[in-house]
């Protein structure tokens, strides 16, 4: 008899636990969302998006969650809507235990600012374009001239990514000018000279040679000695004095 009573008690207790969990979950899902928390990562120097931008975006799409039952809020739809923005790299939306909706957003990272003869835009670190009408406080090299978008997001993007990842050249190169034949000229931040790079093919080898030249020759003659440093010819550096 004791064994039977123990089994009955255990069964009733388990049923109570399941019932309580279901009821608690149901109460939570029926609760209204009273708050939306937007966290925009890396926003110190990437001032592209604000919490107000996200609020406006979701209101216009009728996805703003505040005031809705948690059970009626589709966090996947919220993520998909925000991800449509050209400024967003990654977005995650979820319900918190307190009953809020939290949205975490990573913004895209620009590596180049392009002023072409047709349009202006950023190129990000994945090789995609971003609109130019946003504030970005961190220094970026500026490319101008005859730049087709297909060139900016392929060859020029690879060059800009190299500059960003190389501390010396990231600090040195300020402007990039592209000619109609896609040959490139560089304007450094230090020194009153122009750098004729020529075609971008083999740019790493060309810049490595120039860095050695800077380290070995410039300390002897000074930064203001040359007007043009030409790297377009294979295995040589041709300098034109002022």
C-alpha atoms as a PDB file:
ATOM      1  CA  UNK A   1       0.000   0.000   0.000  1.00  0.00           C
ATOM      2  CA  UNK A   2       2.833   2.406   0.877  1.00  0.00           C
ATOM      3  CA  UNK A   3       4.432   1.732  -2.487  1.00  0.00           C
ATOM      4  CA  UNK A   4       1.180   2.509  -4.307  1.00  0.00           C
ATOM      5  CA  UNK A   5       0.718   5.743  -2.314  1.00  0.00           C
ATOM      6  CA  UNK A   6       4.296   6.774  -3.118  1.00  0.00           C
ATOM      7  CA  UNK A   7       3.680   6.220  -6.833  1.00  0.00           C
ATOM      8  CA  UNK A   8       0.432   8.214  -6.700  1.00  0.00           C
ATOM      9  CA  UNK A   9       2.122  11.056  -4.791  1.00  0.00           C
ATOM     10  CA  UNK A  10       5.046  11.170  -7.214  1.00  0.00           C
ATOM     11  CA  UNK A  11       2.671  11.187 -10.202  1.00  0.00           C
ATOM     12  CA  UNK A  12       0.573  14.021  -8.743  1.00  0.00           C
ATOM     13  CA  UNK A  13       3.699  16.025  -7.880  1.00  0.00           C
ATOM     14  CA  UNK A  14       5.084  15.623 -11.417  1.00  0.00           C
ATOM     15  CA  UNK A  15       1.715  16.640 -12.875  1.00  0.00           C
ATOM     16  CA  UNK A  16       1.725  19.743 -10.667  1.00  0.00           C
ATOM     17  CA  UNK A  17       5.240  20.714 -11.823  1.00  0.00           C
ATOM     18  CA  UNK A  18       4.252  20.351 -15.490  1.00  0.00           C
ATOM     19  CA  UNK A  19       1.004  22.270 -14.939  1.00  0.00           C
ATOM     20  CA  UNK A  20       2.822  25.093 -13.107  1.00  0.00           C
ATOM     21  CA  UNK A  21       5.453  25.344 -15.840  1.00  0.00           C
ATOM     22  CA  UNK A  22       2.804  25.481 -18.559  1.00  0.00           C
ATOM     23  CA  UNK A  23       0.787  28.096 -16.675  1.00  0.00           C
ATOM     24  CA  UNK A  24       3.876  30.184 -15.963  1.00  0.00           C
ATOM     25  CA  UNK A  25       4.900  30.033 -19.607  1.00  0.00           C
ATOM     26  CA  UNK A  26       1.391  30.938 -20.673  1.00  0.00           C
ATOM     27  CA  UNK A  27       1.283  33.891 -18.300  1.00  0.00           C
ATOM     28  CA  UNK A  28       4.609  35.090 -19.651  1.00  0.00           C
ATOM     29  CA  UNK A  29       3.538  34.800 -23.270  1.00  0.00           C
ATOM     30  CA  UNK A  30       0.246  36.601 -22.548  1.00  0.00           C
ATOM     31  CA  UNK A  31       2.102  39.433 -20.873  1.00  0.00           C
ATOM     32  CA  UNK A  32       2.417  42.618 -22.866  1.00  0.00           C
ATOM     33  CA  UNK A  33       5.812  43.873 -23.969  1.00  0.00           C
ATOM     34  CA  UNK A  34       6.481  47.094 -22.099  1.00  0.00           C
ATOM     35  CA  UNK A  35       9.994  47.859 -23.323  1.00  0.00           C
ATOM     36  CA  UNK A  36      12.290  47.475 -26.332  1.00  0.00           C
ATOM     37  CA  UNK A  37      16.028  47.554 -25.664  1.00  0.00           C
ATOM     38  CA  UNK A  38      18.267  48.379 -28.638  1.00  0.00           C
ATOM     39  CA  UNK A  39      22.011  47.758 -28.295  1.00  0.00           C
ATOM     40  CA  UNK A  40      24.105  49.081 -31.191  1.00  0.00           C
ATOM     41  CA  UNK A  41      27.620  47.735 -30.951  1.00  0.00           C
ATOM     42  CA  UNK A  42      30.705  49.770 -31.939  1.00  0.00           C
ATOM     43  CA  UNK A  43      28.635  52.940 -31.993  1.00  0.00           C
ATOM     44  CA  UNK A  44      31.411  55.204 -30.682  1.00  0.00           C
ATOM     45  CA  UNK A  45      33.000  55.751 -34.079  1.00  0.00           C
ATOM     46  CA  UNK A  46      30.297  54.241 -36.320  1.00  0.00           C
ATOM     47  CA  UNK A  47      27.467  56.710 -35.883  1.00  0.00           C
ATOM     48  CA  UNK A  48      25.261  55.246 -38.609  1.00  0.00           C
ATOM     49  CA  UNK A  49      22.302  53.927 -36.655  1.00  0.00           C
ATOM     50  CA  UNK A  50      20.504  55.020 -33.498  1.00  0.00           C
ATOM     51  CA  UNK A  51      17.818  53.398 -31.370  1.00  0.00           C
ATOM     52  CA  UNK A  52      15.377  55.949 -32.791  1.00  0.00           C
ATOM     53  CA  UNK A  53      16.197  54.785 -36.335  1.00  0.00           C
ATOM     54  CA  UNK A  54      15.303  51.226 -35.349  1.00  0.00           C
ATOM     55  CA  UNK A  55      12.106  52.323 -33.624  1.00  0.00           C
ATOM     56  CA  UNK A  56      10.998  54.271 -36.698  1.00  0.00           C
ATOM     57  CA  UNK A  57      11.881  51.368 -38.992  1.00  0.00           C
ATOM     58  CA  UNK A  58       9.818  48.890 -36.963  1.00  0.00           C
ATOM     59  CA  UNK A  59       6.875  51.268 -36.558  1.00  0.00           C
ATOM     60  CA  UNK A  60       6.703  51.809 -40.316  1.00  0.00           C
ATOM     61  CA  UNK A  61       6.759  48.040 -40.852  1.00  0.00           C
ATOM     62  CA  UNK A  62       4.123  47.518 -38.118  1.00  0.00           C
ATOM     63  CA  UNK A  63       6.596  45.383 -36.195  1.00  0.00           C
ATOM     64  CA  UNK A  64       7.124  47.665 -33.193  1.00  0.00           C
ATOM     65  CA  UNK A  65       6.713  45.291 -30.233  1.00  0.00           C
ATOM     66  CA  UNK A  66       5.886  47.558 -27.282  1.00  0.00           C
ATOM     67  CA  UNK A  67       2.259  47.130 -26.215  1.00  0.00           C
ATOM     68  CA  UNK A  68       1.824  43.792 -27.972  1.00  0.00           C
ATOM     69  CA  UNK A  69       1.418  40.398 -26.281  1.00  0.00           C
ATOM     70  CA  UNK A  70       4.740  38.592 -26.207  1.00  0.00           C
ATOM     71  CA  UNK A  71       3.079  35.614 -27.869  1.00  0.00           C
ATOM     72  CA  UNK A  72       2.193  37.797 -30.847  1.00  0.00           C
ATOM     73  CA  UNK A  73       5.711  39.206 -31.361  1.00  0.00           C
ATOM     74  CA  UNK A  74       7.715  37.619 -34.179  1.00  0.00           C
ATOM     75  CA  UNK A  75      11.378  38.242 -33.367  1.00  0.00           C
ATOM     76  CA  UNK A  76      12.481  36.615 -36.627  1.00  0.00           C
ATOM     77  CA  UNK A  77      10.423  39.126 -38.608  1.00  0.00           C
ATOM     78  CA  UNK A  78      12.039  41.939 -36.604  1.00  0.00           C
ATOM     79  CA  UNK A  79      15.508  40.587 -37.414  1.00  0.00           C
ATOM     80  CA  UNK A  80      14.724  40.230 -41.114  1.00  0.00           C
ATOM     81  CA  UNK A  81      13.386  43.786 -41.344  1.00  0.00           C
ATOM     82  CA  UNK A  82      16.410  45.353 -39.638  1.00  0.00           C
ATOM     83  CA  UNK A  83      18.807  43.204 -41.693  1.00  0.00           C
ATOM     84  CA  UNK A  84      17.432  44.840 -44.851  1.00  0.00           C
ATOM     85  CA  UNK A  85      19.353  47.998 -43.944  1.00  0.00           C
ATOM     86  CA  UNK A  86      22.586  48.634 -45.866  1.00  0.00           C
ATOM     87  CA  UNK A  87      24.152  49.684 -42.564  1.00  0.00           C
ATOM     88  CA  UNK A  88      23.606  46.453 -40.621  1.00  0.00           C
ATOM     89  CA  UNK A  89      26.112  43.618 -40.510  1.00  0.00           C
ATOM     90  CA  UNK A  90      24.343  41.373 -37.995  1.00  0.00           C
ATOM     91  CA  UNK A  91      21.162  41.552 -35.890  1.00  0.00           C
ATOM     92  CA  UNK A  92      19.681  39.388 -33.141  1.00  0.00           C
ATOM     93  CA  UNK A  93      16.268  39.954 -31.524  1.00  0.00           C
ATOM     94  CA  UNK A  94      14.905  37.969 -28.587  1.00  0.00           C
ATOM     95  CA  UNK A  95      12.491  38.041 -25.645  1.00  0.00           C
ATOM     96  CA  UNK A  96      14.037  38.578 -22.217  1.00  0.00           C
ATOM     97  CA  UNK A  97      12.888  36.865 -18.992  1.00  0.00           C
ATOM     98  CA  UNK A  98      11.601  40.271 -17.834  1.00  0.00           C
ATOM     99  CA  UNK A  99       9.271  40.452 -20.816  1.00  0.00           C
ATOM    100  CA  UNK A 100      11.169  42.984 -22.930  1.00  0.00           C
ATOM    101  CA  UNK A 101      12.341  42.686 -26.513  1.00  0.00           C
ATOM    102  CA  UNK A 102      16.109  43.093 -26.810  1.00  0.00           C
ATOM    103  CA  UNK A 103      17.721  43.824 -30.181  1.00  0.00           C
ATOM    104  CA  UNK A 104      21.490  43.611 -30.634  1.00  0.00           C
ATOM    105  CA  UNK A 105      22.926  45.129 -33.818  1.00  0.00           C
ATOM    106  CA  UNK A 106      26.421  45.106 -35.317  1.00  0.00           C
ATOM    107  CA  UNK A 107      27.045  47.832 -37.868  1.00  0.00           C
ATOM    108  CA  UNK A 108      29.104  47.459 -41.007  1.00  0.00           C
ATOM    109  CA  UNK A 109      32.752  48.577 -40.956  1.00  0.00           C
ATOM    110  CA  UNK A 110      33.769  50.985 -43.760  1.00  0.00           C
ATOM    111  CA  UNK A 111      37.289  50.643 -45.164  1.00  0.00           C
ATOM    112  CA  UNK A 112      37.086  53.248 -47.949  1.00  0.00           C
ATOM    113  CA  UNK A 113      35.202  56.419 -48.876  1.00  0.00           C
ATOM    114  CA  UNK A 114      34.548  56.739 -52.619  1.00  0.00           C
ATOM    115  CA  UNK A 115      33.894  60.001 -54.469  1.00  0.00           C
ATOM    116  CA  UNK A 116      33.421  58.879 -58.050  1.00  0.00           C
ATOM    117  CA  UNK A 117      32.378  60.955 -61.034  1.00  0.00           C
ATOM    118  CA  UNK A 118      28.880  59.428 -60.678  1.00  0.00           C
ATOM    119  CA  UNK A 119      28.161  58.823 -56.988  1.00  0.00           C
ATOM    120  CA  UNK A 120      29.530  58.831 -53.453  1.00  0.00           C
ATOM    121  CA  UNK A 121      29.499  55.908 -51.026  1.00  0.00           C
ATOM    122  CA  UNK A 122      31.469  53.824 -48.562  1.00  0.00           C
ATOM    123  CA  UNK A 123      32.883  50.351 -49.233  1.00  0.00           C
ATOM    124  CA  UNK A 124      32.728  48.087 -46.179  1.00  0.00           C
ATOM    125  CA  UNK A 125      35.020  45.293 -45.030  1.00  0.00           C
ATOM    126  CA  UNK A 126      32.973  42.657 -46.867  1.00  0.00           C
ATOM    127  CA  UNK A 127      33.246  44.415 -50.238  1.00  0.00           C
ATOM    128  CA  UNK A 128      29.709  45.822 -50.247  1.00  0.00           C
ATOM    129  CA  UNK A 129      28.681  49.462 -50.556  1.00  0.00           C
ATOM    130  CA  UNK A 130      27.069  51.659 -47.924  1.00  0.00           C
ATOM    131  CA  UNK A 131      25.271  54.989 -48.371  1.00  0.00           C
ATOM    132  CA  UNK A 132      27.471  58.037 -47.841  1.00  0.00           C
ATOM    133  CA  UNK A 133      24.983  60.251 -46.031  1.00  0.00           C
ATOM    134  CA  UNK A 134      26.001  59.076 -42.557  1.00  0.00           C
ATOM    135  CA  UNK A 135      28.586  60.335 -40.081  1.00  0.00           C
ATOM    136  CA  UNK A 136      31.728  58.244 -39.681  1.00  0.00           C
ATOM    137  CA  UNK A 137      34.313  59.777 -37.369  1.00  0.00           C
ATOM    138  CA  UNK A 138      37.268  57.435 -37.933  1.00  0.00           C
ATOM    139  CA  UNK A 139      39.830  58.304 -40.613  1.00  0.00           C
ATOM    140  CA  UNK A 140      39.423  56.482 -43.926  1.00  0.00           C
ATOM    141  CA  UNK A 141      41.373  56.769 -47.173  1.00  0.00           C
ATOM    142  CA  UNK A 142      39.394  58.624 -49.828  1.00  0.00           C
ATOM    143  CA  UNK A 143      39.235  57.353 -53.419  1.00  0.00           C
ATOM    144  CA  UNK A 144      38.218  59.667 -56.245  1.00  0.00           C
ATOM    145  CA  UNK A 145      38.312  59.804 -60.022  1.00  0.00           C
ATOM    146  CA  UNK A 146      36.888  57.480 -62.636  1.00  0.00           C
ATOM    147  CA  UNK A 147      35.681  54.667 -60.395  1.00  0.00           C
ATOM    148  CA  UNK A 148      33.131  52.126 -61.526  1.00  0.00           C
ATOM    149  CA  UNK A 149      31.320  50.462 -58.630  1.00  0.00           C
ATOM    150  CA  UNK A 150      32.407  47.031 -59.873  1.00  0.00           C
ATOM    151  CA  UNK A 151      36.045  48.172 -59.571  1.00  0.00           C
ATOM    152  CA  UNK A 152      35.467  49.777 -56.158  1.00  0.00           C
ATOM    153  CA  UNK A 153      33.988  46.590 -54.672  1.00  0.00           C
ATOM    154  CA  UNK A 154      36.647  44.231 -56.042  1.00  0.00           C
ATOM    155  CA  UNK A 155      40.189  45.420 -56.762  1.00  0.00           C
ATOM    156  CA  UNK A 156      39.952  48.731 -54.924  1.00  0.00           C
ATOM    157  CA  UNK A 157      38.242  47.040 -51.973  1.00  0.00           C
ATOM    158  CA  UNK A 158      41.106  44.534 -51.652  1.00  0.00           C
ATOM    159  CA  UNK A 159      43.603  47.391 -51.725  1.00  0.00           C
ATOM    160  CA  UNK A 160      41.683  49.356 -49.059  1.00  0.00           C
ATOM    161  CA  UNK A 161      41.413  46.246 -46.869  1.00  0.00           C
ATOM    162  CA  UNK A 162      45.184  45.793 -47.129  1.00  0.00           C
ATOM    163  CA  UNK A 163      45.706  49.399 -46.036  1.00  0.00           C
ATOM    164  CA  UNK A 164      43.398  48.973 -43.059  1.00  0.00           C
ATOM    165  CA  UNK A 165      45.171  45.826 -41.894  1.00  0.00           C
ATOM    166  CA  UNK A 166      48.670  47.280 -42.316  1.00  0.00           C
ATOM    167  CA  UNK A 167      49.443  49.839 -39.615  1.00  0.00           C
ATOM    168  CA  UNK A 168      52.187  51.629 -41.560  1.00  0.00           C
ATOM    169  CA  UNK A 169      50.208  52.109 -44.771  1.00  0.00           C
ATOM    170  CA  UNK A 170      46.961  52.769 -42.957  1.00  0.00           C
ATOM    171  CA  UNK A 171      48.637  55.760 -41.320  1.00  0.00           C
ATOM    172  CA  UNK A 172      50.408  56.870 -44.490  1.00  0.00           C
ATOM    173  CA  UNK A 173      47.931  56.764 -47.387  1.00  0.00           C
ATOM    174  CA  UNK A 174      45.387  59.575 -47.371  1.00  0.00           C
ATOM    175  CA  UNK A 175      44.009  59.746 -50.918  1.00  0.00           C
ATOM    176  CA  UNK A 176      43.657  57.381 -53.867  1.00  0.00           C
ATOM    177  CA  UNK A 177      43.064  58.680 -57.374  1.00  0.00           C
ATOM    178  CA  UNK A 178      41.882  56.324 -60.126  1.00  0.00           C
ATOM    179  CA  UNK A 179      42.470  57.185 -63.778  1.00  0.00           C
ATOM    180  CA  UNK A 180      40.206  56.022 -66.648  1.00  0.00           C
ATOM    181  CA  UNK A 181      42.627  53.175 -67.469  1.00  0.00           C
ATOM    182  CA  UNK A 182      42.370  52.040 -63.795  1.00  0.00           C
ATOM    183  CA  UNK A 183      45.910  53.078 -62.990  1.00  0.00           C
ATOM    184  CA  UNK A 184      46.219  54.445 -59.475  1.00  0.00           C
ATOM    185  CA  UNK A 185      48.015  57.366 -57.879  1.00  0.00           C
ATOM    186  CA  UNK A 186      48.404  57.766 -54.119  1.00  0.00           C
ATOM    187  CA  UNK A 187      48.739  60.857 -51.945  1.00  0.00           C
ATOM    188  CA  UNK A 188      50.538  60.156 -48.657  1.00  0.00           C
ATOM    189  CA  UNK A 189      49.903  61.984 -45.408  1.00  0.00           C
ATOM    190  CA  UNK A 190      53.613  62.611 -44.840  1.00  0.00           C
ATOM    191  CA  UNK A 191      55.857  64.001 -47.569  1.00  0.00           C
ATOM    192  CA  UNK A 192      55.047  66.399 -50.370  1.00  0.00           C
ATOM    193  CA  UNK A 193      55.228  63.773 -53.120  1.00  0.00           C
ATOM    194  CA  UNK A 194      52.822  61.720 -55.216  1.00  0.00           C
ATOM    195  CA  UNK A 195      53.085  57.941 -55.531  1.00  0.00           C
ATOM    196  CA  UNK A 196      52.352  56.480 -58.953  1.00  0.00           C
ATOM    197  CA  UNK A 197      51.294  52.919 -58.219  1.00  0.00           C
ATOM    198  CA  UNK A 198      50.103  52.063 -61.733  1.00  0.00           C
ATOM    199  CA  UNK A 199      47.788  49.048 -61.943  1.00  0.00           C
ATOM    200  CA  UNK A 200      46.706  47.533 -58.641  1.00  0.00           C
ATOM    201  CA  UNK A 201      48.009  44.114 -59.624  1.00  0.00           C
ATOM    202  CA  UNK A 202      51.001  43.334 -57.420  1.00  0.00           C
ATOM    203  CA  UNK A 203      50.389  46.311 -55.118  1.00  0.00           C
ATOM    204  CA  UNK A 204      51.718  44.502 -52.050  1.00  0.00           C
ATOM    205  CA  UNK A 205      55.149  43.964 -53.640  1.00  0.00           C
ATOM    206  CA  UNK A 206      55.231  47.571 -54.854  1.00  0.00           C
ATOM    207  CA  UNK A 207      54.409  48.982 -51.432  1.00  0.00           C
ATOM    208  CA  UNK A 208      56.898  46.668 -49.734  1.00  0.00           C
ATOM    209  CA  UNK A 209      59.641  48.082 -51.965  1.00  0.00           C
ATOM    210  CA  UNK A 210      58.502  51.617 -51.221  1.00  0.00           C
ATOM    211  CA  UNK A 211      58.531  50.986 -47.484  1.00  0.00           C
ATOM    212  CA  UNK A 212      62.142  49.789 -47.701  1.00  0.00           C
ATOM    213  CA  UNK A 213      62.938  52.921 -49.728  1.00  0.00           C
ATOM    214  CA  UNK A 214      61.319  55.071 -47.044  1.00  0.00           C
ATOM    215  CA  UNK A 215      63.311  53.360 -44.303  1.00  0.00           C
ATOM    216  CA  UNK A 216      66.680  53.466 -46.072  1.00  0.00           C
ATOM    217  CA  UNK A 217      66.696  56.524 -48.355  1.00  0.00           C
ATOM    218  CA  UNK A 218      64.302  59.088 -46.887  1.00  0.00           C
ATOM    219  CA  UNK A 219      66.251  59.533 -43.607  1.00  0.00           C
ATOM    220  CA  UNK A 220      69.244  60.608 -45.732  1.00  0.00           C
ATOM    221  CA  UNK A 221      67.524  62.973 -48.180  1.00  0.00           C
ATOM    222  CA  UNK A 222      64.388  64.046 -46.302  1.00  0.00           C
ATOM    223  CA  UNK A 223      60.657  63.765 -47.025  1.00  0.00           C
ATOM    224  CA  UNK A 224      60.543  66.869 -49.228  1.00  0.00           C
ATOM    225  CA  UNK A 225      63.256  65.776 -51.704  1.00  0.00           C
ATOM    226  CA  UNK A 226      60.994  64.202 -54.337  1.00  0.00           C
ATOM    227  CA  UNK A 227      57.907  65.315 -56.211  1.00  0.00           C
ATOM    228  CA  UNK A 228      56.977  61.930 -57.690  1.00  0.00           C
ATOM    229  CA  UNK A 229      57.833  58.357 -56.692  1.00  0.00           C
ATOM    230  CA  UNK A 230      56.929  55.971 -59.507  1.00  0.00           C
ATOM    231  CA  UNK A 231      56.342  52.280 -58.705  1.00  0.00           C
ATOM    232  CA  UNK A 232      54.631  51.168 -61.907  1.00  0.00           C
ATOM    233  CA  UNK A 233      57.756  49.685 -63.503  1.00  0.00           C
ATOM    234  CA  UNK A 234      58.712  46.188 -62.434  1.00  0.00           C
ATOM    235  CA  UNK A 235      61.592  45.853 -59.972  1.00  0.00           C
ATOM    236  CA  UNK A 236      62.451  49.546 -59.861  1.00  0.00           C
ATOM    237  CA  UNK A 237      61.542  52.816 -58.209  1.00  0.00           C
ATOM    238  CA  UNK A 238      61.822  55.946 -60.335  1.00  0.00           C
ATOM    239  CA  UNK A 239      61.972  59.213 -58.400  1.00  0.00           C
ATOM    240  CA  UNK A 240      61.537  62.743 -59.770  1.00  0.00           C
ATOM    241  CA  UNK A 241      63.175  65.499 -57.754  1.00  0.00           C
ATOM    242  CA  UNK A 242      61.421  68.774 -57.036  1.00  0.00           C
END
